Amino acid sequence: MSKTKGAEIDITNGVIWKQLLLFFFPILFGTFFQQLYNTVDAVVVGQFVGKEALAAVGGSTSVLINTFIGFFVGLSSGATVVISQFYGGGRHDKVSRAVHTAASLCLIMGAFFMIVGLIVAPYALLAMGTPEDIMGDSVTYLRIYFGGIIFPLIYNMGSGILRAVGDSKHPLYFLIICCITNLVLDVLFVAGFHWGVAGAAIATLISQAVSAVLILLSLGRTDQSYHFDPKQICLDIPILKDIIRVGLPAGFQSVLYSASNIIIQSSINTFGTNIVAAWTAYGKIDAMFWMIMSAFGTSITTFVGQNFGAQKYHRIRQSVRICFSIAMGATVLLSIILYFAGPYIYRLFTSDNTVITEGMKILRTLVPFYFTYVSIEIFAGAVRGTGDSILPMIITCFGVCALRAVWIMVAVPISHTIETVVLSYPITWGTTSLMFIVYYLQGGWLKRRIAKAGFAPEIRHSKTESTHV
């Protein structure tokens, strides 16, 4: 019996809404603690160093980090989908090969990101128009972060493997430990040793190293098919092609998403340090919404992946409907809370009244439109779970990235205000959401994936469950 047995949830059988929530909440809390890495940095440096340091650990720095990490998370989602389909279909020999192929890919990308990040960081900050008074601290933070970027990559790939087999609890446990580590070290290095932004970056690096070690130990201790043995690291070319086929479009989509955010960040930088600090603080508040949506997206991708591998197509449709309903309810509730509690939350990051006032303008412009994003995350995650990632990428790149860039280039010069800049988000969310609704409801995506996988178009698993497409 596996030493981690009992952590996995049987996604292919049972009551969907219960299993979805049991799988979702550990991912949500895990995402929450992962977000706390940089949020704790922002709170500590904002309170103990100043608004310039707050802008340095957020703003352009945060966008660049998210670009690299987002690409890898997208790429690693290919491994999650491939492993979940193998696991759901009972092909355990393939699960093992996929795990060790994913590990190889992680090491290669880690070395590449470290080299590129260390070299490119200062030039990228200059290109984004980062204010001169925060440039030095921003470069320091980025170089320390990229020096240890292999650690968050190992954690994200490892947690993706565990979630692919239905275990969303262990990644949560590890992140709780690491977040506590980060908090303690932040206070020690920044407030105690007065190391400033460098102290916050070192604290984050050490805590992420802890998360990487814990995830590797977890995968190494199990005797199930997803057991990790460093001696078995390999590149199974057919599996690698499948991982890249699914993951590369998702990674490319994330990069284009970040590129559009870089354009927006560059526009925001023209408003000065107060607005940059307000946008940075808003980004930490906004992260609460994105972590919820990300958790729902990860959950539905895994649900669809395992049930697709098990050829239980009816459960795919049911899980998407249930996940969408729960996600929409959570979004409406969170929007109401943030709209009215925003001023109090902002004071966690800064006591500067100008920053808080500007931040509230941003918040109250965006949160009423959060609901328009739900369809994008749920439907894209569902479609990607079957292995179809090209069309979701195209829809997102056009609906979000291209339209957002056009808005910044056309509308902002006409009305150069922060409200005009942030309106690019709800406009592009709504447009992209409509496209995903049409694409999902027409149904051809599932039939095409079934045909390409060579599965039966209809299969009956019990007297009460039929899986019509």
Protein backbone atom coordinates (compact mmCIF):
# COMPACT_ATOMS: atom_id res chain seq x y z
CA MET A 1 0.00 0.00 0.00
CA SER A 2 1.21 3.51 -0.82
CA LYS A 3 2.60 5.55 1.99
CA THR A 4 0.38 8.37 0.68
CA LYS A 5 -2.64 6.15 0.12
CA GLY A 6 -5.86 7.80 1.17
CA ALA A 7 -4.90 11.23 -0.14
CA GLU A 8 -6.16 10.41 -3.65
CA ILE A 9 -9.81 11.04 -4.58
CA ASP A 10 -11.57 8.65 -6.97
CA ILE A 11 -12.63 11.19 -9.58
CA THR A 12 -14.15 8.70 -12.01
CA ASN A 13 -16.87 7.44 -9.65
CA GLY A 14 -19.24 8.82 -7.01
CA VAL A 15 -21.10 12.06 -6.38
CA ILE A 16 -19.51 14.74 -8.55
CA TRP A 17 -20.16 17.87 -6.49
CA LYS A 18 -18.80 16.30 -3.31
CA GLN A 19 -15.66 15.02 -5.02
CA LEU A 20 -15.20 18.30 -6.83
CA LEU A 21 -15.27 20.28 -3.59
CA LEU A 22 -13.04 17.77 -1.78
CA PHE A 23 -10.54 18.13 -4.60
CA PHE A 24 -11.05 21.89 -5.03
CA PHE A 25 -10.58 23.16 -1.48
CA PRO A 26 -7.05 21.80 -0.97
CA ILE A 27 -6.09 23.34 -4.33
CA LEU A 28 -7.71 26.63 -3.33
CA PHE A 29 -5.97 26.76 0.04
CA GLY A 30 -2.74 25.67 -1.63
CA THR A 31 -3.03 28.45 -4.19
CA PHE A 32 -3.79 30.85 -1.35
CA PHE A 33 -0.61 29.92 0.48
CA GLN A 34 1.38 30.06 -2.76
CA GLN A 35 0.10 33.60 -3.33
CA LEU A 36 1.17 34.45 0.22
CA TYR A 37 4.83 34.08 -0.82
CA ASN A 38 4.87 37.43 -2.59
CA THR A 39 1.98 38.92 -0.60
CA VAL A 40 3.90 38.50 2.66
CA ASP A 41 6.90 40.11 0.96
CA ALA A 42 4.70 43.04 -0.06
CA VAL A 43 3.16 43.47 3.40
CA VAL A 44 6.49 43.30 5.24
CA VAL A 45 8.47 45.59 2.94
CA GLY A 46 5.52 47.98 2.60
CA GLN A 47 5.24 48.35 6.36
CA PHE A 48 8.94 48.22 7.36
CA VAL A 49 10.73 49.72 4.34
CA GLY A 50 8.31 51.98 2.45
CA LYS A 51 6.17 52.44 -0.64
CA GLU A 52 9.21 52.42 -2.96
CA ALA A 53 10.10 48.93 -1.73
CA LEU A 54 6.45 47.88 -2.08
CA ALA A 55 6.48 49.00 -5.71
CA ALA A 56 9.82 47.20 -6.25
CA VAL A 57 8.57 43.75 -5.14
CA GLY A 58 5.38 44.22 -7.16
CA GLY A 59 4.74 46.16 -10.34
CA SER A 60 7.17 45.29 -13.15
CA THR A 61 9.01 42.75 -10.99
CA SER A 62 5.86 40.76 -10.30
CA VAL A 63 4.80 40.84 -13.95
CA LEU A 64 8.16 39.48 -15.14
CA ILE A 65 8.19 36.69 -12.56
CA ASN A 66 4.63 35.75 -13.44
CA THR A 67 5.58 35.62 -17.13
CA PHE A 68 8.23 32.96 -16.55
CA ILE A 69 6.34 30.99 -13.90
CA GLY A 70 3.10 31.24 -15.88
CA PHE A 71 4.75 29.78 -18.96
CA PHE A 72 6.08 26.84 -17.00
CA VAL A 73 2.78 26.23 -15.20
CA GLY A 74 1.09 26.18 -18.61
CA LEU A 75 3.72 23.80 -19.96
CA SER A 76 3.46 21.54 -16.91
CA SER A 77 -0.32 21.40 -17.34
CA GLY A 78 0.46 19.20 -20.33
CA ALA A 79 2.04 16.69 -17.95
CA THR A 80 -0.97 16.94 -15.61
CA VAL A 81 -3.40 16.20 -18.45
CA VAL A 82 -1.33 13.34 -19.88
CA ILE A 83 -0.77 11.71 -16.47
CA SER A 84 -4.43 12.13 -15.44
CA GLN A 85 -5.59 10.43 -18.65
CA PHE A 86 -3.13 7.55 -18.20
CA TYR A 87 -4.11 7.22 -14.53
CA GLY A 88 -7.85 7.36 -15.22
CA GLY A 89 -7.46 4.73 -17.92
CA GLY A 90 -5.43 2.41 -15.64
CA ARG A 91 -2.26 2.61 -17.78
CA HIS A 92 0.14 2.70 -14.84
CA ASP A 93 3.29 1.87 -16.80
CA LYS A 94 2.67 4.99 -18.85
CA VAL A 95 2.09 7.02 -15.66
CA SER A 96 5.61 6.18 -14.44
CA ARG A 97 7.21 7.06 -17.77
CA ALA A 98 5.30 10.35 -17.89
CA VAL A 99 6.36 11.30 -14.34
CA HIS A 100 10.05 10.88 -15.09
CA THR A 101 9.77 12.59 -18.46
CA ALA A 102 8.10 15.56 -16.72
CA ALA A 103 10.98 15.64 -14.21
CA SER A 104 13.51 15.87 -17.04
CA LEU A 105 11.58 18.69 -18.65
CA CYS A 106 11.52 20.52 -15.31
CA LEU A 107 15.30 20.39 -14.93
CA ILE A 108 15.92 21.58 -18.48
CA MET A 109 13.51 24.50 -18.17
CA GLY A 110 14.86 25.44 -14.73
CA ALA A 111 18.41 25.85 -16.04
CA PHE A 112 17.18 27.81 -19.06
CA PHE A 113 15.00 30.19 -17.02
CA MET A 114 17.77 30.87 -14.52
CA ILE A 115 20.26 31.90 -17.20
CA VAL A 116 17.79 34.00 -19.18
CA GLY A 117 16.31 35.65 -16.08
CA LEU A 118 19.66 36.68 -14.62
CA ILE A 119 20.78 38.23 -17.90
CA VAL A 120 17.54 39.81 -19.10
CA ALA A 121 16.08 41.19 -15.82
CA PRO A 122 17.56 44.74 -15.82
CA TYR A 123 16.94 45.27 -19.54
CA ALA A 124 13.32 44.11 -19.23
CA LEU A 125 12.73 46.50 -16.32
CA LEU A 126 14.15 49.39 -18.35
CA ALA A 127 12.01 48.48 -21.36
CA MET A 128 8.89 48.57 -19.15
CA GLY A 129 9.70 52.08 -17.97
CA THR A 130 10.20 51.12 -14.31
CA PRO A 131 10.52 54.32 -12.21
CA GLU A 132 14.15 55.18 -11.46
CA ASP A 133 13.62 55.35 -7.70
CA ILE A 134 12.70 51.64 -7.54
CA MET A 135 14.96 50.27 -10.29
CA GLY A 136 17.83 49.18 -8.00
CA ASP A 137 15.62 47.25 -5.60
CA SER A 138 13.66 45.69 -8.49
CA VAL A 139 16.85 44.34 -10.11
CA THR A 140 18.07 42.97 -6.77
CA TYR A 141 14.79 41.15 -6.11
CA LEU A 142 14.65 39.64 -9.61
CA ARG A 143 18.23 38.39 -9.64
CA ILE A 144 17.87 36.64 -6.30
CA TYR A 145 14.56 35.12 -7.38
CA PHE A 146 15.87 33.84 -10.71
CA GLY A 147 18.94 32.42 -9.01
CA GLY A 148 16.64 29.89 -7.31
CA ILE A 149 13.84 29.63 -9.88
CA ILE A 150 14.31 25.87 -10.16
CA PHE A 151 12.61 25.48 -6.76
CA PRO A 152 9.14 26.85 -7.70
CA LEU A 153 9.37 24.89 -10.97
CA ILE A 154 9.99 21.63 -9.10
CA TYR A 155 7.10 22.36 -6.76
CA ASN A 156 4.67 23.23 -9.56
CA MET A 157 5.55 20.18 -11.64
CA GLY A 158 5.42 17.88 -8.60
CA SER A 159 2.12 19.24 -7.35
CA GLY A 160 0.72 18.89 -10.88
CA ILE A 161 1.66 15.19 -10.83
CA LEU A 162 -0.02 14.64 -7.45
CA ARG A 163 -3.17 16.45 -8.55
CA ALA A 164 -3.28 14.43 -11.76
CA VAL A 165 -3.76 11.28 -9.69
CA GLY A 166 -6.36 12.90 -7.43
CA ASP A 167 -4.13 14.02 -4.54
CA SER A 168 -4.64 17.72 -3.87
CA LYS A 169 -3.96 17.51 -0.11
CA HIS A 170 -0.19 17.01 0.04
CA PRO A 171 0.64 20.10 -2.06
CA LEU A 172 -1.49 22.08 0.40
CA TYR A 173 0.32 20.69 3.46
CA PHE A 174 3.70 21.56 1.96
CA LEU A 175 2.65 25.09 1.09
CA ILE A 176 1.38 25.74 4.60
CA ILE A 177 4.80 24.79 5.95
CA CYS A 178 6.57 26.92 3.37
CA CYS A 179 4.34 29.94 3.85
CA ILE A 180 5.03 29.90 7.58
CA THR A 181 8.74 29.62 6.77
CA ASN A 182 8.49 32.59 4.43
CA LEU A 183 6.63 34.70 7.00
CA VAL A 184 9.15 34.00 9.76
CA LEU A 185 12.13 34.64 7.49
CA ASP A 186 10.58 37.82 6.05
CA VAL A 187 10.15 39.31 9.50
CA LEU A 188 13.65 38.16 10.51
CA PHE A 189 15.49 39.37 7.39
CA VAL A 190 13.53 42.57 6.68
CA ALA A 191 12.30 43.82 10.07
CA GLY A 192 15.07 42.23 12.14
CA PHE A 193 18.24 42.32 10.02
CA HIS A 194 17.10 45.30 7.89
CA TRP A 195 18.12 43.62 4.64
CA GLY A 196 15.31 45.38 2.78
CA VAL A 197 14.11 44.00 -0.57
CA ALA A 198 17.03 41.55 -0.72
CA GLY A 199 15.88 40.03 2.58
CA ALA A 200 12.36 39.51 1.21
CA ALA A 201 13.75 37.82 -1.91
CA ILE A 202 16.06 35.53 0.10
CA ALA A 203 13.17 34.55 2.40
CA THR A 204 11.05 33.64 -0.63
CA LEU A 205 13.88 31.63 -2.20
CA ILE A 206 14.51 29.58 0.96
CA SER A 207 10.82 28.85 1.49
CA GLN A 208 10.41 27.75 -2.13
CA ALA A 209 13.40 25.44 -1.72
CA VAL A 210 11.61 23.84 1.22
CA SER A 211 8.51 23.29 -0.93
CA ALA A 212 10.60 21.64 -3.66
CA VAL A 213 12.27 19.24 -1.21
CA LEU A 214 8.94 18.26 0.37
CA ILE A 215 7.25 17.55 -2.95
CA LEU A 216 10.17 15.38 -4.10
CA LEU A 217 10.14 13.45 -0.84
CA SER A 218 6.40 12.83 -1.22
CA LEU A 219 6.78 11.49 -4.76
CA GLY A 220 9.78 9.42 -3.72
CA ARG A 221 8.04 7.76 -0.75
CA THR A 222 4.97 6.43 -2.55
CA ASP A 223 5.00 2.94 -4.08
CA GLN A 224 2.20 3.77 -6.53
CA SER A 225 2.71 4.20 -10.27
CA TYR A 226 3.59 7.89 -9.87
CA HIS A 227 6.62 7.08 -7.67
CA PHE A 228 9.62 9.28 -8.47
CA ASP A 229 13.13 7.80 -8.63
CA PRO A 230 15.94 10.17 -9.71
CA LYS A 231 17.73 7.22 -11.32
CA GLN A 232 14.80 6.71 -13.69
CA ILE A 233 14.71 10.27 -15.03
CA CYS A 234 14.29 9.99 -18.79
CA LEU A 235 12.85 11.60 -21.88
CA ASP A 236 10.21 9.30 -23.36
CA ILE A 237 9.89 11.06 -26.71
CA PRO A 238 6.27 10.07 -27.57
CA ILE A 239 5.11 11.10 -24.08
CA LEU A 240 7.21 14.28 -24.23
CA LYS A 241 5.52 15.16 -27.52
CA ASP A 242 2.10 14.68 -25.90
CA ILE A 243 3.10 16.85 -22.93
CA ILE A 244 4.38 19.59 -25.22
CA ARG A 245 1.37 19.30 -27.55
CA VAL A 246 -0.98 20.01 -24.65
CA GLY A 247 1.26 22.18 -22.49
CA LEU A 248 3.06 24.42 -24.98
CA PRO A 249 -0.10 26.19 -26.22
CA ALA A 250 -1.13 26.74 -22.59
CA GLY A 251 2.35 28.08 -21.77
CA PHE A 252 2.36 30.28 -24.86
CA GLN A 253 -1.09 31.55 -23.91
CA SER A 254 0.19 32.44 -20.46
CA VAL A 255 3.14 34.33 -21.96
CA LEU A 256 0.87 36.33 -24.24
CA TYR A 257 -1.41 37.00 -21.29
CA SER A 258 1.60 38.29 -19.36
CA ALA A 259 2.73 40.27 -22.41
CA SER A 260 -0.58 42.11 -22.41
CA ASN A 261 -0.13 42.73 -18.68
CA ILE A 262 3.38 44.06 -19.36
CA ILE A 263 1.87 46.54 -21.81
CA ILE A 264 -0.61 47.57 -19.12
CA GLN A 265 2.12 47.76 -16.48
CA SER A 266 4.19 49.96 -18.78
CA SER A 267 1.18 52.25 -19.16
CA ILE A 268 0.63 52.31 -15.39
CA ASN A 269 4.31 53.15 -14.80
CA THR A 270 3.71 56.49 -16.58
CA PHE A 271 1.42 57.58 -13.73
CA GLY A 272 4.23 57.58 -11.12
CA THR A 273 5.16 55.71 -7.94
CA ASN A 274 1.86 56.28 -6.09
CA ILE A 275 -0.15 54.61 -8.86
CA VAL A 276 2.43 51.81 -9.23
CA ALA A 277 2.20 51.13 -5.49
CA ALA A 278 -1.63 51.24 -5.64
CA TRP A 279 -1.62 48.82 -8.57
CA THR A 280 0.82 46.54 -6.73
CA ALA A 281 -1.40 46.44 -3.64
CA TYR A 282 -4.48 45.87 -5.80
CA GLY A 283 -2.66 43.00 -7.48
CA LYS A 284 -2.28 41.28 -4.10
CA ILE A 285 -5.99 41.80 -3.35
CA ASP A 286 -6.96 40.73 -6.86
CA ALA A 287 -4.94 37.54 -6.32
CA MET A 288 -7.77 36.26 -4.09
CA PHE A 289 -10.03 36.10 -7.14
CA TRP A 290 -7.42 34.59 -9.41
CA MET A 291 -6.47 31.89 -6.92
CA ILE A 292 -10.12 30.83 -6.68
CA MET A 293 -10.50 30.74 -10.46
CA SER A 294 -7.18 28.93 -10.84
CA ALA A 295 -8.28 26.29 -8.33
CA PHE A 296 -11.53 25.73 -10.20
CA GLY A 297 -9.66 25.57 -13.50
CA THR A 298 -7.16 23.02 -12.17
CA SER A 299 -9.96 20.97 -10.62
CA ILE A 300 -12.04 20.75 -13.78
CA THR A 301 -9.00 19.97 -15.94
CA THR A 302 -8.12 17.02 -13.72
CA PHE A 303 -11.75 15.85 -13.48
CA VAL A 304 -12.15 15.94 -17.23
CA GLY A 305 -8.74 14.35 -17.82
CA GLN A 306 -9.34 11.30 -15.66
CA ASN A 307 -12.91 10.77 -16.86
CA PHE A 308 -11.83 11.20 -20.47
CA GLY A 309 -9.17 8.53 -19.93
CA ALA A 310 -11.83 6.29 -18.34
CA GLN A 311 -14.22 7.08 -21.26
CA LYS A 312 -16.92 8.42 -18.93
CA TYR A 313 -18.06 11.28 -21.09
CA HIS A 314 -21.35 11.92 -19.31
CA ARG A 315 -19.43 12.74 -16.11
CA ILE A 316 -17.41 15.28 -18.08
CA ARG A 317 -20.53 17.28 -18.96
CA GLN A 318 -21.92 16.97 -15.44
CA SER A 319 -18.70 18.06 -13.76
CA VAL A 320 -18.41 21.13 -16.00
CA ARG A 321 -21.98 22.25 -15.21
CA ILE A 322 -21.47 21.78 -11.48
CA CYS A 323 -18.06 23.44 -11.43
CA PHE A 324 -19.35 26.43 -13.40
CA SER A 325 -22.27 26.95 -11.01
CA ILE A 326 -20.10 26.80 -7.90
CA ALA A 327 -17.44 29.07 -9.43
CA MET A 328 -20.01 31.69 -10.41
CA GLY A 329 -21.51 31.71 -6.91
CA ALA A 330 -18.08 32.10 -5.32
CA THR A 331 -17.22 34.94 -7.72
CA VAL A 332 -20.35 36.95 -6.92
CA LEU A 333 -19.77 36.56 -3.17
CA LEU A 334 -16.11 37.57 -3.38
CA SER A 335 -16.93 40.58 -5.57
CA ILE A 336 -19.35 41.93 -2.97
CA ILE A 337 -16.86 41.43 -0.13
CA LEU A 338 -13.98 43.14 -1.96
CA TYR A 339 -16.10 46.05 -3.16
CA PHE A 340 -17.10 47.06 0.36
CA ALA A 341 -14.09 45.85 2.39
CA GLY A 342 -11.44 47.16 -0.01
CA PRO A 343 -10.27 50.19 2.05
CA TYR A 344 -9.60 48.02 5.10
CA ILE A 345 -7.73 45.41 3.06
CA TYR A 346 -5.54 48.07 1.45
CA ARG A 347 -4.33 49.16 4.87
CA LEU A 348 -2.62 45.78 5.25
CA PHE A 349 -0.17 46.94 2.60
CA THR A 350 0.22 50.65 3.21
CA SER A 351 -0.96 53.54 5.39
CA ASP A 352 -0.41 56.08 2.60
CA ASN A 353 -3.86 57.65 1.98
CA THR A 354 -3.01 58.66 -1.58
CA VAL A 355 -2.09 55.09 -2.49
CA ILE A 356 -5.28 53.77 -0.85
CA THR A 357 -7.49 56.30 -2.67
CA GLU A 358 -5.98 55.45 -6.06
CA GLY A 359 -6.18 51.75 -5.28
CA MET A 360 -9.89 51.96 -4.51
CA LYS A 361 -10.52 53.56 -7.91
CA ILE A 362 -8.93 50.52 -9.53
CA LEU A 363 -10.72 48.01 -7.31
CA ARG A 364 -14.21 49.44 -7.73
CA THR A 365 -13.75 49.63 -11.49
CA LEU A 366 -12.85 45.94 -11.81
CA VAL A 367 -14.54 43.76 -9.18
CA PRO A 368 -18.12 44.26 -10.47
CA PHE A 369 -16.98 42.54 -13.70
CA TYR A 370 -15.24 39.50 -12.20
CA PHE A 371 -18.21 37.30 -13.16
CA THR A 372 -17.39 37.77 -16.85
CA TYR A 373 -14.18 35.75 -16.42
CA VAL A 374 -15.72 32.55 -15.01
CA SER A 375 -16.62 31.03 -18.40
CA ILE A 376 -13.06 31.47 -19.63
CA GLU A 377 -11.45 29.52 -16.79
CA ILE A 378 -13.99 26.70 -16.54
CA PHE A 379 -14.60 26.00 -20.22
CA ALA A 380 -10.93 26.38 -21.18
CA GLY A 381 -9.93 24.02 -18.34
CA ALA A 382 -12.53 21.45 -19.39
CA VAL A 383 -11.51 21.47 -23.04
CA ARG A 384 -7.81 21.29 -22.10
CA GLY A 385 -8.52 18.25 -19.91
CA THR A 386 -9.32 16.24 -23.06
CA GLY A 387 -5.99 17.26 -24.58
CA ASP A 388 -7.35 20.06 -26.79
CA SER A 389 -5.28 23.14 -26.02
CA ILE A 390 -4.84 24.81 -29.40
CA LEU A 391 -8.30 26.37 -29.74
CA PRO A 392 -8.42 27.61 -26.11
CA MET A 393 -5.07 29.30 -26.76
CA ILE A 394 -6.28 30.96 -29.97
CA ILE A 395 -9.51 32.19 -28.36
CA THR A 396 -7.70 33.58 -25.32
CA CYS A 397 -4.89 35.17 -27.30
CA PHE A 398 -7.32 37.01 -29.55
CA GLY A 399 -10.01 37.82 -27.01
CA VAL A 400 -7.71 38.85 -24.16
CA CYS A 401 -4.21 39.60 -25.39
CA ALA A 402 -4.79 41.20 -28.79
CA LEU A 403 -7.84 43.24 -27.82
CA ARG A 404 -6.17 44.41 -24.61
CA ALA A 405 -3.13 45.67 -26.52
CA VAL A 406 -5.38 47.47 -29.02
CA TRP A 407 -7.29 49.14 -26.18
CA ILE A 408 -4.10 50.42 -24.54
CA MET A 409 -2.77 51.77 -27.83
CA VAL A 410 -6.03 53.39 -28.97
CA ALA A 411 -8.15 54.33 -25.95
CA VAL A 412 -5.53 55.32 -23.37
CA PRO A 413 -3.89 58.10 -25.47
CA ILE A 414 -7.37 59.60 -25.92
CA SER A 415 -8.21 59.44 -22.19
CA HIS A 416 -5.00 59.12 -20.19
CA THR A 417 -6.46 58.01 -16.83
CA ILE A 418 -5.97 54.94 -14.67
CA GLU A 419 -9.68 54.09 -15.08
CA THR A 420 -9.26 53.91 -18.85
CA VAL A 421 -6.30 51.57 -18.48
CA VAL A 422 -8.05 49.11 -16.16
CA LEU A 423 -11.24 49.06 -18.26
CA SER A 424 -9.26 46.92 -20.71
CA TYR A 425 -9.80 43.97 -18.34
CA PRO A 426 -13.63 43.73 -18.23
CA ILE A 427 -13.90 44.54 -21.96
CA THR A 428 -11.61 41.68 -22.93
CA TRP A 429 -13.00 39.26 -20.30
CA GLY A 430 -16.53 39.71 -21.63
CA THR A 431 -15.51 39.26 -25.28
CA THR A 432 -13.45 36.14 -24.60
CA SER A 433 -16.12 34.65 -22.36
CA LEU A 434 -18.72 34.86 -25.13
CA MET A 435 -16.38 33.05 -27.53
CA PHE A 436 -15.73 30.24 -25.03
CA ILE A 437 -19.45 29.78 -24.34
CA VAL A 438 -20.15 29.34 -28.06
CA TYR A 439 -17.17 26.99 -28.52
CA TYR A 440 -18.09 24.81 -25.56
CA LEU A 441 -21.81 24.54 -26.25
CA GLN A 442 -21.45 23.54 -29.90
CA GLY A 443 -19.83 20.30 -28.62
CA GLY A 444 -17.52 19.41 -31.48
CA TRP A 445 -14.41 19.70 -29.31
CA LEU A 446 -15.30 16.56 -27.33
CA LYS A 447 -16.26 14.47 -30.36
CA ARG A 448 -12.99 15.37 -32.09
CA ARG A 449 -10.90 14.41 -29.07
CA ILE A 450 -12.75 11.08 -28.67
CA ALA A 451 -12.19 10.27 -32.34
CA LYS A 452 -8.52 11.24 -32.19
CA ALA A 453 -7.93 9.16 -29.06
CA GLY A 454 -9.54 6.15 -30.71
CA PHE A 455 -12.13 5.77 -27.93
CA ALA A 456 -15.69 4.57 -28.35
CA PRO A 457 -18.08 7.48 -28.91
CA GLU A 458 -20.46 6.01 -26.33
CA ILE A 459 -19.87 3.55 -23.51
CA ARG A 460 -22.14 2.41 -20.70
CA HIS A 461 -20.55 1.93 -17.28
CA SER A 462 -23.57 0.99 -15.23
CA LYS A 463 -27.30 0.50 -15.42
CA THR A 464 -27.88 4.08 -14.38
CA GLU A 465 -25.06 5.96 -16.09
CA SER A 466 -24.84 6.49 -19.82
CA THR A 467 -22.07 8.56 -21.34
CA HIS A 468 -23.63 10.05 -24.44
CA VAL A 469 -21.55 12.73 -26.11
